[in-house]
Full PDB file with SEQRES, HELIX, SHEET, SSBOND, CRYST1, ORIGX, SCALE, CONECT and MASTER records, all heavy atoms in Angstrom:
SEQRES   1 A   35  PHE SER THR PRO ASP LEU SER ASP GLU HIS GLY ASP ALA          
SEQRES   2 A   35  LEU ILE ALA LEU ASP PRO ILE PHE GLN HIS TYR GLY GLY          
SEQRES   3 A   35  ARG LEU ASN PHE HIS GLY GLU ILE GLN                          
HELIX    1 AA1 THR A    3  HIS A   10  1                                   8    
HELIX    2 AA2 GLY A   11  ALA A   13  5                                   3    
CRYST1    1.000    1.000    1.000  90.00  90.00  90.00 P 1           1          
ORIGX1      1.000000  0.000000  0.000000        0.00000                         
ORIGX2      0.000000  1.000000  0.000000        0.00000                         
ORIGX3      0.000000  0.000000  1.000000        0.00000                         
SCALE1      1.000000  0.000000  0.000000        0.00000                         
SCALE2      0.000000  1.000000  0.000000        0.00000                         
SCALE3      0.000000  0.000000  1.000000        0.00000                         
ATOM      1  N   PHE A   1       0.854  -1.173   0.000  1.00  0.00           N  
ATOM      2  CA  PHE A   1       0.000   0.000   0.000  1.00  0.00           C  
ATOM      3  C   PHE A   1       0.894   1.228   0.000  1.00  0.00           C  
ATOM      4  O   PHE A   1       2.091   1.148   0.249  1.00  0.00           O  
ATOM      5  CB  PHE A   1      -0.949   0.013   1.216  1.00  0.00           C  
ATOM      6  CG  PHE A   1      -0.234   0.156   2.536  1.00  0.00           C  
ATOM      7  CD1 PHE A   1       0.004   1.404   3.080  1.00  0.00           C  
ATOM      8  CD2 PHE A   1       0.201  -0.956   3.232  1.00  0.00           C  
ATOM      9  CE1 PHE A   1       0.669   1.540   4.282  1.00  0.00           C  
ATOM     10  CE2 PHE A   1       0.859  -0.837   4.433  1.00  0.00           C  
ATOM     11  CZ  PHE A   1       1.096   0.418   4.965  1.00  0.00           C  
ATOM     12  N   SER A   2       0.289   2.332  -0.249  1.00  0.00           N  
ATOM     13  CA  SER A   2       0.991   3.612  -0.269  1.00  0.00           C  
ATOM     14  C   SER A   2       0.202   4.589   0.591  1.00  0.00           C  
ATOM     15  O   SER A   2      -1.011   4.740   0.401  1.00  0.00           O  
ATOM     16  CB  SER A   2       1.077   4.101  -1.717  1.00  0.00           C  
ATOM     17  OG  SER A   2       1.260   5.488  -1.777  1.00  0.00           O  
ATOM     18  N   THR A   3       0.881   5.244   1.528  1.00  0.00           N  
ATOM     19  CA  THR A   3       0.160   6.227   2.346  1.00  0.00           C  
ATOM     20  C   THR A   3      -0.374   7.386   1.497  1.00  0.00           C  
ATOM     21  O   THR A   3      -1.464   7.881   1.791  1.00  0.00           O  
ATOM     22  CB  THR A   3       1.012   6.735   3.533  1.00  0.00           C  
ATOM     23  OG1 THR A   3       2.243   7.280   3.063  1.00  0.00           O  
ATOM     24  CG2 THR A   3       1.259   5.631   4.538  1.00  0.00           C  
ATOM     25  N   PRO A   4       0.324   7.827   0.433  1.00  0.00           N  
ATOM     26  CA  PRO A   4      -0.305   8.846  -0.410  1.00  0.00           C  
ATOM     27  C   PRO A   4      -1.614   8.359  -1.037  1.00  0.00           C  
ATOM     28  O   PRO A   4      -2.601   9.109  -1.085  1.00  0.00           O  
ATOM     29  CB  PRO A   4       0.760   9.138  -1.470  1.00  0.00           C  
ATOM     30  CG  PRO A   4       2.050   8.874  -0.775  1.00  0.00           C  
ATOM     31  CD  PRO A   4       1.745   7.660   0.072  1.00  0.00           C  
ATOM     32  N   ASP A   5      -1.643   7.085  -1.492  1.00  0.00           N  
ATOM     33  CA  ASP A   5      -2.879   6.552  -2.061  1.00  0.00           C  
ATOM     34  C   ASP A   5      -3.981   6.462  -1.013  1.00  0.00           C  
ATOM     35  O   ASP A   5      -5.144   6.791  -1.288  1.00  0.00           O  
ATOM     36  CB  ASP A   5      -2.648   5.174  -2.679  1.00  0.00           C  
ATOM     37  CG  ASP A   5      -1.823   5.226  -3.961  1.00  0.00           C  
ATOM     38  OD1 ASP A   5      -1.647   6.329  -4.525  1.00  0.00           O  
ATOM     39  OD2 ASP A   5      -1.339   4.152  -4.376  1.00  0.00           O  
ATOM     40  N   LEU A   6      -3.619   6.006   0.202  1.00  0.00           N  
ATOM     41  CA  LEU A   6      -4.612   5.950   1.283  1.00  0.00           C  
ATOM     42  C   LEU A   6      -5.141   7.345   1.600  1.00  0.00           C  
ATOM     43  O   LEU A   6      -6.340   7.538   1.805  1.00  0.00           O  
ATOM     44  CB  LEU A   6      -4.020   5.315   2.534  1.00  0.00           C  
ATOM     45  CG  LEU A   6      -3.754   3.817   2.481  1.00  0.00           C  
ATOM     46  CD1 LEU A   6      -3.026   3.369   3.754  1.00  0.00           C  
ATOM     47  CD2 LEU A   6      -5.045   3.041   2.315  1.00  0.00           C  
ATOM     48  N   SER A   7      -4.238   8.313   1.633  1.00  0.00           N  
ATOM     49  CA  SER A   7      -4.647   9.691   1.913  1.00  0.00           C  
ATOM     50  C   SER A   7      -5.580  10.221   0.828  1.00  0.00           C  
ATOM     51  O   SER A   7      -6.591  10.863   1.128  1.00  0.00           O  
ATOM     52  CB  SER A   7      -3.406  10.579   2.029  1.00  0.00           C  
ATOM     53  OG  SER A   7      -3.775  11.912   2.278  1.00  0.00           O  
ATOM     54  N   ASP A   8      -5.245   9.942  -0.429  1.00  0.00           N  
ATOM     55  CA  ASP A   8      -6.106  10.389  -1.534  1.00  0.00           C  
ATOM     56  C   ASP A   8      -7.487   9.740  -1.456  1.00  0.00           C  
ATOM     57  O   ASP A   8      -8.494  10.395  -1.691  1.00  0.00           O  
ATOM     58  CB  ASP A   8      -5.473  10.044  -2.887  1.00  0.00           C  
ATOM     59  CG  ASP A   8      -4.236  10.870  -3.190  1.00  0.00           C  
ATOM     60  OD1 ASP A   8      -3.960  11.839  -2.453  1.00  0.00           O  
ATOM     61  OD2 ASP A   8      -3.533  10.515  -4.163  1.00  0.00           O  
ATOM     62  N   GLU A   9      -7.508   8.450  -1.106  1.00  0.00           N  
ATOM     63  CA  GLU A   9      -8.770   7.714  -1.091  1.00  0.00           C  
ATOM     64  C   GLU A   9      -9.642   8.038   0.119  1.00  0.00           C  
ATOM     65  O   GLU A   9     -10.861   8.077   0.024  1.00  0.00           O  
ATOM     66  CB  GLU A   9      -8.486   6.213  -1.128  1.00  0.00           C  
ATOM     67  CG  GLU A   9      -9.727   5.371  -1.291  1.00  0.00           C  
ATOM     68  CD  GLU A   9      -9.401   3.901  -1.511  1.00  0.00           C  
ATOM     69  OE1 GLU A   9      -8.310   3.589  -2.023  1.00  0.00           O  
ATOM     70  OE2 GLU A   9     -10.263   3.073  -1.174  1.00  0.00           O  
ATOM     71  N   HIS A  10      -9.016   8.295   1.286  1.00  0.00           N  
ATOM     72  CA  HIS A  10      -9.783   8.436   2.526  1.00  0.00           C  
ATOM     73  C   HIS A  10      -9.732   9.836   3.130  1.00  0.00           C  
ATOM     74  O   HIS A  10     -10.446  10.101   4.106  1.00  0.00           O  
ATOM     75  CB  HIS A  10      -9.315   7.403   3.550  1.00  0.00           C  
ATOM     76  CG  HIS A  10      -9.503   6.003   3.080  1.00  0.00           C  
ATOM     77  ND1 HIS A  10     -10.721   5.361   3.124  1.00  0.00           N  
ATOM     78  CD2 HIS A  10      -8.638   5.124   2.520  1.00  0.00           C  
ATOM     79  CE1 HIS A  10     -10.592   4.144   2.623  1.00  0.00           C  
ATOM     80  NE2 HIS A  10      -9.338   3.973   2.252  1.00  0.00           N  
ATOM     81  N   GLY A  11      -8.893  10.703   2.605  1.00  0.00           N  
ATOM     82  CA  GLY A  11      -8.853  12.112   2.958  1.00  0.00           C  
ATOM     83  C   GLY A  11      -8.955  12.447   4.427  1.00  0.00           C  
ATOM     84  O   GLY A  11      -8.119  12.056   5.240  1.00  0.00           O  
ATOM     85  N   ASP A  12     -10.028  13.171   4.769  1.00  0.00           N  
ATOM     86  CA  ASP A  12     -10.203  13.698   6.117  1.00  0.00           C  
ATOM     87  C   ASP A  12     -10.455  12.633   7.178  1.00  0.00           C  
ATOM     88  O   ASP A  12     -10.448  12.930   8.360  1.00  0.00           O  
ATOM     89  CB  ASP A  12     -11.358  14.707   6.148  1.00  0.00           C  
ATOM     90  CG  ASP A  12     -11.025  15.973   5.362  1.00  0.00           C  
ATOM     91  OD1 ASP A  12      -9.829  16.234   5.150  1.00  0.00           O  
ATOM     92  OD2 ASP A  12     -11.968  16.692   4.972  1.00  0.00           O  
ATOM     93  N   ALA A  13     -10.673  11.396   6.767  1.00  0.00           N  
ATOM     94  CA  ALA A  13     -10.864  10.309   7.736  1.00  0.00           C  
ATOM     95  C   ALA A  13      -9.536   9.885   8.364  1.00  0.00           C  
ATOM     96  O   ALA A  13      -9.531   9.109   9.312  1.00  0.00           O  
ATOM     97  CB  ALA A  13     -11.531   9.109   7.064  1.00  0.00           C  
ATOM     98  N   LEU A  14      -8.421  10.414   7.850  1.00  0.00           N  
ATOM     99  CA  LEU A  14      -7.093  10.045   8.329  1.00  0.00           C  
ATOM    100  C   LEU A  14      -6.391  11.235   8.968  1.00  0.00           C  
ATOM    101  O   LEU A  14      -6.624  12.374   8.596  1.00  0.00           O  
ATOM    102  CB  LEU A  14      -6.228   9.546   7.171  1.00  0.00           C  
ATOM    103  CG  LEU A  14      -6.755   8.350   6.403  1.00  0.00           C  
ATOM    104  CD1 LEU A  14      -5.888   8.103   5.176  1.00  0.00           C  
ATOM    105  CD2 LEU A  14      -6.773   7.127   7.297  1.00  0.00           C  
ATOM    106  N   ILE A  15      -5.495  10.935   9.898  1.00  0.00           N  
ATOM    107  CA  ILE A  15      -4.619  11.944  10.481  1.00  0.00           C  
ATOM    108  C   ILE A  15      -3.196  11.587  10.070  1.00  0.00           C  
ATOM    109  O   ILE A  15      -2.753  10.455  10.287  1.00  0.00           O  
ATOM    110  CB  ILE A  15      -4.723  11.974  12.016  1.00  0.00           C  
ATOM    111  CG1 ILE A  15      -6.128  12.390  12.427  1.00  0.00           C  
ATOM    112  CG2 ILE A  15      -3.678  12.900  12.626  1.00  0.00           C  
ATOM    113  CD1 ILE A  15      -6.401  12.236  13.909  1.00  0.00           C  
ATOM    114  N   ALA A  16      -2.502  12.540   9.471  1.00  0.00           N  
ATOM    115  CA  ALA A  16      -1.092  12.346   9.132  1.00  0.00           C  
ATOM    116  C   ALA A  16      -0.254  12.797  10.322  1.00  0.00           C  
ATOM    117  O   ALA A  16      -0.387  13.935  10.786  1.00  0.00           O  
ATOM    118  CB  ALA A  16      -0.725  13.139   7.884  1.00  0.00           C  
ATOM    119  N   LEU A  17       0.584  11.899  10.828  1.00  0.00           N  
ATOM    120  CA  LEU A  17       1.450  12.253  11.947  1.00  0.00           C  
ATOM    121  C   LEU A  17       2.491  13.272  11.497  1.00  0.00           C  
ATOM    122  O   LEU A  17       2.912  13.265  10.332  1.00  0.00           O  
ATOM    123  CB  LEU A  17       2.173  11.019  12.490  1.00  0.00           C  
ATOM    124  CG  LEU A  17       1.412  10.205  13.546  1.00  0.00           C  
ATOM    125  CD1 LEU A  17       0.101   9.681  13.043  1.00  0.00           C  
ATOM    126  CD2 LEU A  17       2.283   9.089  14.066  1.00  0.00           C  
ATOM    127  N   ASP A  18       2.893  14.144  12.420  1.00  0.00           N  
ATOM    128  CA  ASP A  18       3.970  15.075  12.130  1.00  0.00           C  
ATOM    129  C   ASP A  18       5.192  14.277  11.670  1.00  0.00           C  
ATOM    130  O   ASP A  18       5.495  13.222  12.254  1.00  0.00           O  
ATOM    131  CB  ASP A  18       4.331  15.898  13.371  1.00  0.00           C  
ATOM    132  CG  ASP A  18       3.198  16.820  13.820  1.00  0.00           C  
ATOM    133  OD1 ASP A  18       2.292  17.103  13.016  1.00  0.00           O  
ATOM    134  OD2 ASP A  18       3.239  17.254  14.983  1.00  0.00           O  
ATOM    135  N   PRO A  19       5.913  14.751  10.668  1.00  0.00           N  
ATOM    136  CA  PRO A  19       7.043  13.991  10.111  1.00  0.00           C  
ATOM    137  C   PRO A  19       8.316  14.127  10.963  1.00  0.00           C  
ATOM    138  O   PRO A  19       9.305  14.728  10.556  1.00  0.00           O  
ATOM    139  CB  PRO A  19       7.222  14.605   8.721  1.00  0.00           C  
ATOM    140  CG  PRO A  19       6.758  16.009   8.892  1.00  0.00           C  
ATOM    141  CD  PRO A  19       5.632  15.952   9.896  1.00  0.00           C  
ATOM    142  N   ILE A  20       8.276  13.513  12.138  1.00  0.00           N  
ATOM    143  CA  ILE A  20       9.392  13.628  13.081  1.00  0.00           C  
ATOM    144  C   ILE A  20      10.136  12.312  13.285  1.00  0.00           C  
ATOM    145  O   ILE A  20      11.123  12.263  14.012  1.00  0.00           O  
ATOM    146  CB  ILE A  20       8.902  14.154  14.445  1.00  0.00           C  
ATOM    147  CG1 ILE A  20       7.844  13.229  15.044  1.00  0.00           C  
ATOM    148  CG2 ILE A  20       8.377  15.579  14.303  1.00  0.00           C  
ATOM    149  CD1 ILE A  20       7.395  13.598  16.450  1.00  0.00           C  
ATOM    150  N   PHE A  21       9.690  11.248  12.622  1.00  0.00           N  
ATOM    151  CA  PHE A  21      10.226   9.918  12.883  1.00  0.00           C  
ATOM    152  C   PHE A  21      11.239   9.492  11.825  1.00  0.00           C  
ATOM    153  O   PHE A  21      11.096   9.811  10.648  1.00  0.00           O  
ATOM    154  CB  PHE A  21       9.087   8.891  12.944  1.00  0.00           C  
ATOM    155  CG  PHE A  21       8.120   9.164  14.048  1.00  0.00           C  
ATOM    156  CD1 PHE A  21       6.935   9.836  13.803  1.00  0.00           C  
ATOM    157  CD2 PHE A  21       8.406   8.779  15.345  1.00  0.00           C  
ATOM    158  CE1 PHE A  21       6.046  10.109  14.826  1.00  0.00           C  
ATOM    159  CE2 PHE A  21       7.529   9.046  16.378  1.00  0.00           C  
ATOM    160  CZ  PHE A  21       6.349   9.717  16.116  1.00  0.00           C  
ATOM    161  N   GLN A  22      12.220   8.715  12.278  1.00  0.00           N  
ATOM    162  CA  GLN A  22      13.210   8.100  11.398  1.00  0.00           C  
ATOM    163  C   GLN A  22      12.808   6.644  11.163  1.00  0.00           C  
ATOM    164  O   GLN A  22      12.162   6.035  12.005  1.00  0.00           O  
ATOM    165  CB  GLN A  22      14.597   8.145  12.051  1.00  0.00           C  
ATOM    166  CG  GLN A  22      15.049   9.537  12.452  1.00  0.00           C  
ATOM    167  CD  GLN A  22      15.195  10.466  11.274  1.00  0.00           C  
ATOM    168  OE1 GLN A  22      15.718  10.080  10.238  1.00  0.00           O  
ATOM    169  NE2 GLN A  22      14.705  11.687  11.413  1.00  0.00           N  
ATOM    170  N   HIS A  23      13.240   6.085  10.040  1.00  0.00           N  
ATOM    171  CA  HIS A  23      12.990   4.682   9.698  1.00  0.00           C  
ATOM    172  C   HIS A  23      14.143   3.832  10.232  1.00  0.00           C  
ATOM    173  O   HIS A  23      15.304   4.131   9.969  1.00  0.00           O  
ATOM    174  CB  HIS A  23      12.939   4.497   8.178  1.00  0.00           C  
ATOM    175  CG  HIS A  23      11.931   5.351   7.494  1.00  0.00           C  
ATOM    176  ND1 HIS A  23      10.629   4.959   7.339  1.00  0.00           N  
ATOM    177  CD2 HIS A  23      12.021   6.573   6.926  1.00  0.00           C  
ATOM    178  CE1 HIS A  23       9.966   5.910   6.705  1.00  0.00           C  
ATOM    179  NE2 HIS A  23      10.788   6.893   6.445  1.00  0.00           N  
ATOM    180  N   TYR A  24      13.817   2.755  10.953  1.00  0.00           N  
ATOM    181  CA  TYR A  24      14.870   1.896  11.483  1.00  0.00           C  
ATOM    182  C   TYR A  24      14.673   0.417  11.178  1.00  0.00           C  
ATOM    183  O   TYR A  24      15.643  -0.315  11.080  1.00  0.00           O  
ATOM    184  CB  TYR A  24      15.024   2.084  13.003  1.00  0.00           C  
ATOM    185  CG  TYR A  24      15.557   3.443  13.351  1.00  0.00           C  
ATOM    186  CD1 TYR A  24      14.724   4.429  13.867  1.00  0.00           C  
ATOM    187  CD2 TYR A  24      16.894   3.759  13.135  1.00  0.00           C  
ATOM    188  CE1 TYR A  24      15.215   5.685  14.174  1.00  0.00           C  
ATOM    189  CE2 TYR A  24      17.389   5.018  13.441  1.00  0.00           C  
ATOM    190  CZ  TYR A  24      16.545   5.982  13.953  1.00  0.00           C  
ATOM    191  OH  TYR A  24      17.025   7.232  14.246  1.00  0.00           O  
ATOM    192  N   GLY A  25      13.471  -0.058  11.048  1.00  0.00           N  
ATOM    193  CA  GLY A  25      13.240  -1.487  10.856  1.00  0.00           C  
ATOM    194  C   GLY A  25      13.514  -1.945   9.436  1.00  0.00           C  
ATOM    195  O   GLY A  25      13.665  -1.136   8.517  1.00  0.00           O  
ATOM    196  N   GLY A  26      13.552  -3.246   9.254  1.00  0.00           N  
ATOM    197  CA  GLY A  26      13.771  -3.838   7.945  1.00  0.00           C  
ATOM    198  C   GLY A  26      12.557  -3.763   7.032  1.00  0.00           C  
ATOM    199  O   GLY A  26      12.671  -3.997   5.838  1.00  0.00           O  
ATOM    200  N   ARG A  27      11.392  -3.445   7.586  1.00  0.00           N  
ATOM    201  CA  ARG A  27      10.169  -3.257   6.784  1.00  0.00           C  
ATOM    202  C   ARG A  27       9.839  -1.774   6.743  1.00  0.00           C  
ATOM    203  O   ARG A  27       9.549  -1.175   7.777  1.00  0.00           O  
ATOM    204  CB  ARG A  27       8.997  -4.012   7.409  1.00  0.00           C  
ATOM    205  CG  ARG A  27       9.033  -5.499   7.188  1.00  0.00           C  
ATOM    206  CD  ARG A  27       7.871  -6.211   7.841  1.00  0.00           C  
ATOM    207  NE  ARG A  27       6.591  -5.722   7.328  1.00  0.00           N  
ATOM    208  CZ  ARG A  27       5.425  -5.995   7.897  1.00  0.00           C  
ATOM    209  NH1 ARG A  27       5.364  -6.744   8.978  1.00  0.00           N  
ATOM    210  NH2 ARG A  27       4.308  -5.536   7.387  1.00  0.00           N  
ATOM    211  N   LEU A  28       9.852  -1.189   5.561  1.00  0.00           N  
ATOM    212  CA  LEU A  28       9.508   0.224   5.436  1.00  0.00           C  
ATOM    213  C   LEU A  28       7.997   0.430   5.387  1.00  0.00           C  
ATOM    214  O   LEU A  28       7.503   1.510   5.679  1.00  0.00           O  
ATOM    215  CB  LEU A  28      10.141   0.814   4.171  1.00  0.00           C  
ATOM    216  CG  LEU A  28      11.658   0.885   4.165  1.00  0.00           C  
ATOM    217  CD1 LEU A  28      12.146   1.441   2.833  1.00  0.00           C  
ATOM    218  CD2 LEU A  28      12.163   1.723   5.320  1.00  0.00           C  
ATOM    219  N   ASN A  29       7.269  -0.620   5.009  1.00  0.00           N  
ATOM    220  CA  ASN A  29       5.831  -0.548   4.797  1.00  0.00           C  
ATOM    221  C   ASN A  29       5.162  -1.494   5.796  1.00  0.00           C  
ATOM    222  O   ASN A  29       5.361  -2.700   5.730  1.00  0.00           O  
ATOM    223  CB  ASN A  29       5.591  -1.001   3.346  1.00  0.00           C  
ATOM    224  CG  ASN A  29       4.176  -0.855   2.895  1.00  0.00           C  
ATOM    225  OD1 ASN A  29       3.269  -1.313   3.571  1.00  0.00           O  
ATOM    226  ND2 ASN A  29       3.993  -0.261   1.733  1.00  0.00           N  
ATOM    227  N   PHE A  30       4.412  -0.941   6.767  1.00  0.00           N  
ATOM    228  CA  PHE A  30       3.728  -1.798   7.740  1.00  0.00           C  
ATOM    229  C   PHE A  30       2.452  -1.131   8.218  1.00  0.00           C  
ATOM    230  O   PHE A  30       2.287   0.084   8.100  1.00  0.00           O  
ATOM    231  CB  PHE A  30       4.645  -2.152   8.923  1.00  0.00           C  
ATOM    232  CG  PHE A  30       5.053  -0.996   9.796  1.00  0.00           C  
ATOM    233  CD1 PHE A  30       4.396  -0.745  10.998  1.00  0.00           C  
ATOM    234  CD2 PHE A  30       6.113  -0.176   9.452  1.00  0.00           C  
ATOM    235  CE1 PHE A  30       4.780   0.303  11.817  1.00  0.00           C  
ATOM    236  CE2 PHE A  30       6.505   0.880  10.266  1.00  0.00           C  
ATOM    237  CZ  PHE A  30       5.839   1.119  11.455  1.00  0.00           C  
ATOM    238  N   HIS A  31       1.553  -1.951   8.751  1.00  0.00           N  
ATOM    239  CA  HIS A  31       0.286  -1.425   9.259  1.00  0.00           C  
ATOM    240  C   HIS A  31      -0.278  -2.414  10.267  1.00  0.00           C  
ATOM    241  O   HIS A  31       0.122  -3.582  10.331  1.00  0.00           O  
ATOM    242  CB  HIS A  31      -0.715  -1.190   8.128  1.00  0.00           C  
ATOM    243  CG  HIS A  31      -1.149  -2.440   7.437  1.00  0.00           C  
ATOM    244  ND1 HIS A  31      -2.250  -3.159   7.832  1.00  0.00           N  
ATOM    245  CD2 HIS A  31      -0.616  -3.111   6.391  1.00  0.00           C  
ATOM    246  CE1 HIS A  31      -2.387  -4.211   7.050  1.00  0.00           C  
ATOM    247  NE2 HIS A  31      -1.397  -4.207   6.170  1.00  0.00           N  
ATOM    248  N   GLY A  32      -1.229  -1.932  11.061  1.00  0.00           N  
ATOM    249  CA  GLY A  32      -1.899  -2.811  11.997  1.00  0.00           C  
ATOM    250  C   GLY A  32      -2.683  -2.047  13.037  1.00  0.00           C  
ATOM    251  O   GLY A  32      -2.611  -0.821  13.130  1.00  0.00           O  
ATOM    252  N   GLU A  33      -3.428  -2.810  13.811  1.00  0.00           N  
ATOM    253  CA  GLU A  33      -4.173  -2.245  14.928  1.00  0.00           C  
ATOM    254  C   GLU A  33      -3.192  -1.808  16.011  1.00  0.00           C  
ATOM    255  O   GLU A  33      -2.163  -2.438  16.233  1.00  0.00           O  
ATOM    256  CB  GLU A  33      -5.156  -3.278  15.477  1.00  0.00           C  
ATOM    257  CG  GLU A  33      -6.086  -2.712  16.519  1.00  0.00           C  
ATOM    258  CD  GLU A  33      -7.176  -3.690  16.934  1.00  0.00           C  
ATOM    259  OE1 GLU A  33      -7.323  -4.747  16.289  1.00  0.00           O  
ATOM    260  OE2 GLU A  33      -7.867  -3.388  17.906  1.00  0.00           O  
ATOM    261  N   ILE A  34      -3.537  -0.740  16.697  1.00  0.00           N  
ATOM    262  CA  ILE A  34      -2.647  -0.130  17.683  1.00  0.00           C  
ATOM    263  C   ILE A  34      -2.793  -0.775  19.058  1.00  0.00           C  
ATOM    264  O   ILE A  34      -3.902  -1.035  19.523  1.00  0.00           O  
ATOM    265  CB  ILE A  34      -2.956   1.377  17.807  1.00  0.00           C  
ATOM    266  CG1 ILE A  34      -2.550   2.099  16.530  1.00  0.00           C  
ATOM    267  CG2 ILE A  34      -2.286   1.992  19.024  1.00  0.00           C  
ATOM    268  CD1 ILE A  34      -2.990   3.557  16.502  1.00  0.00           C  
ATOM    269  N   GLN A  35      -1.660  -0.975  19.703  1.00  0.00           N  
ATOM    270  CA  GLN A  35      -1.572  -1.284  21.138  1.00  0.00           C  
ATOM    271  C   GLN A  35      -0.704  -0.185  21.736  1.00  0.00           C  
ATOM    272  O   GLN A  35       0.442  -0.021  21.334  1.00  0.00           O  
ATOM    273  CB  GLN A  35      -0.939  -2.650  21.387  1.00  0.00           C  
ATOM    274  CG  GLN A  35      -0.621  -2.922  22.857  1.00  0.00           C  
ATOM    275  CD  GLN A  35      -1.868  -2.956  23.729  1.00  0.00           C  
ATOM    276  OE1 GLN A  35      -2.789  -3.699  23.460  1.00  0.00           O  
ATOM    277  NE2 GLN A  35      -1.889  -2.157  24.778  1.00  0.00           N  
TER     278      GLN A  35                                                      
MASTER        0    0    0    2    0    0    0    6  277    1    0    3          
END                                                                             
């Protein structure tokens, strides 16, 4: 998936986090329910 595509498709139903995070894991693309 692509967050730009999700943003285009779902617009105001989503909140974009402030871009303050660095990438560290081996997976650049991930999603899931929050704990």
